């Protein structure tokens, strides 16, 4: 498995580069998105869903 298939670097890039850097959103907004993802991803895993797959697969 190579690094491009890992979800973590993409989430980090979204939170740091896109939300704060490009969209100029507040750090608190970044933290809210981070906290939401910390709740969502384990929930999806517990339900047997994969976060990296599209719904049509």
Protein backbone atom coordinates (compact mmCIF):
# COMPACT_ATOMS: atom_id res chain seq x y z
CA UNK A 1 0.00 0.00 0.00
CA UNK A 2 1.45 3.35 -0.98
CA UNK A 3 0.93 6.71 0.69
CA UNK A 4 -1.59 7.90 -1.93
CA UNK A 5 -4.06 5.24 -0.77
CA UNK A 6 -3.97 6.33 2.88
CA UNK A 7 -6.75 8.56 4.13
CA UNK A 8 -4.76 10.35 6.86
CA UNK A 9 -2.57 12.54 4.62
CA UNK A 10 -5.62 13.65 2.63
CA UNK A 11 -7.51 14.61 5.78
CA UNK A 12 -4.48 16.50 7.11
CA UNK A 13 -4.11 18.36 3.82
CA UNK A 14 -7.83 19.23 3.82
CA UNK A 15 -7.75 20.52 7.39
CA UNK A 16 -4.52 22.49 7.19
CA UNK A 17 -4.03 23.55 3.59
CA UNK A 18 -7.56 23.89 2.30
CA UNK A 19 -9.68 25.05 5.24
CA UNK A 20 -7.17 27.38 6.86
CA UNK A 21 -4.85 28.19 3.96
CA UNK A 22 -7.11 28.53 0.93
CA UNK A 23 -10.52 29.22 2.48
CA UNK A 24 -9.06 31.35 5.29
CA UNK A 25 -11.40 29.80 7.85
CA UNK A 26 -10.78 30.12 11.56
CA UNK A 27 -8.72 27.58 13.45
CA UNK A 28 -11.85 26.78 15.49
CA UNK A 29 -13.60 25.74 12.27
CA UNK A 30 -10.66 23.47 11.48
CA UNK A 31 -10.96 21.93 14.93
CA UNK A 32 -14.70 21.40 14.44
CA UNK A 33 -14.07 19.53 11.19
CA UNK A 34 -11.31 17.51 12.87
CA UNK A 35 -13.59 16.56 15.75
CA UNK A 36 -16.39 15.59 13.36
CA UNK A 37 -14.03 13.32 11.43
CA UNK A 38 -12.77 11.76 14.66
CA UNK A 39 -16.35 10.75 15.43
CA UNK A 40 -17.43 9.87 11.89
CA UNK A 41 -14.59 7.56 10.84
CA UNK A 42 -14.82 5.15 13.81
CA UNK A 43 -18.61 5.13 13.39
CA UNK A 44 -18.26 4.14 9.74
CA UNK A 45 -15.76 1.44 10.66
CA UNK A 46 -18.11 0.04 13.30
CA UNK A 47 -20.93 -0.10 10.76
CA UNK A 48 -18.71 -1.95 8.29
CA UNK A 49 -18.47 0.96 5.88
CA UNK A 50 -15.29 2.02 4.16
CA UNK A 51 -14.72 5.76 3.99
CA UNK A 52 -12.46 5.45 0.95
CA UNK A 53 -14.99 3.82 -1.38
CA UNK A 54 -17.57 5.51 -3.52
CA UNK A 55 -21.22 4.53 -2.90
CA UNK A 56 -21.62 2.91 -6.33
CA UNK A 57 -19.05 0.15 -5.64
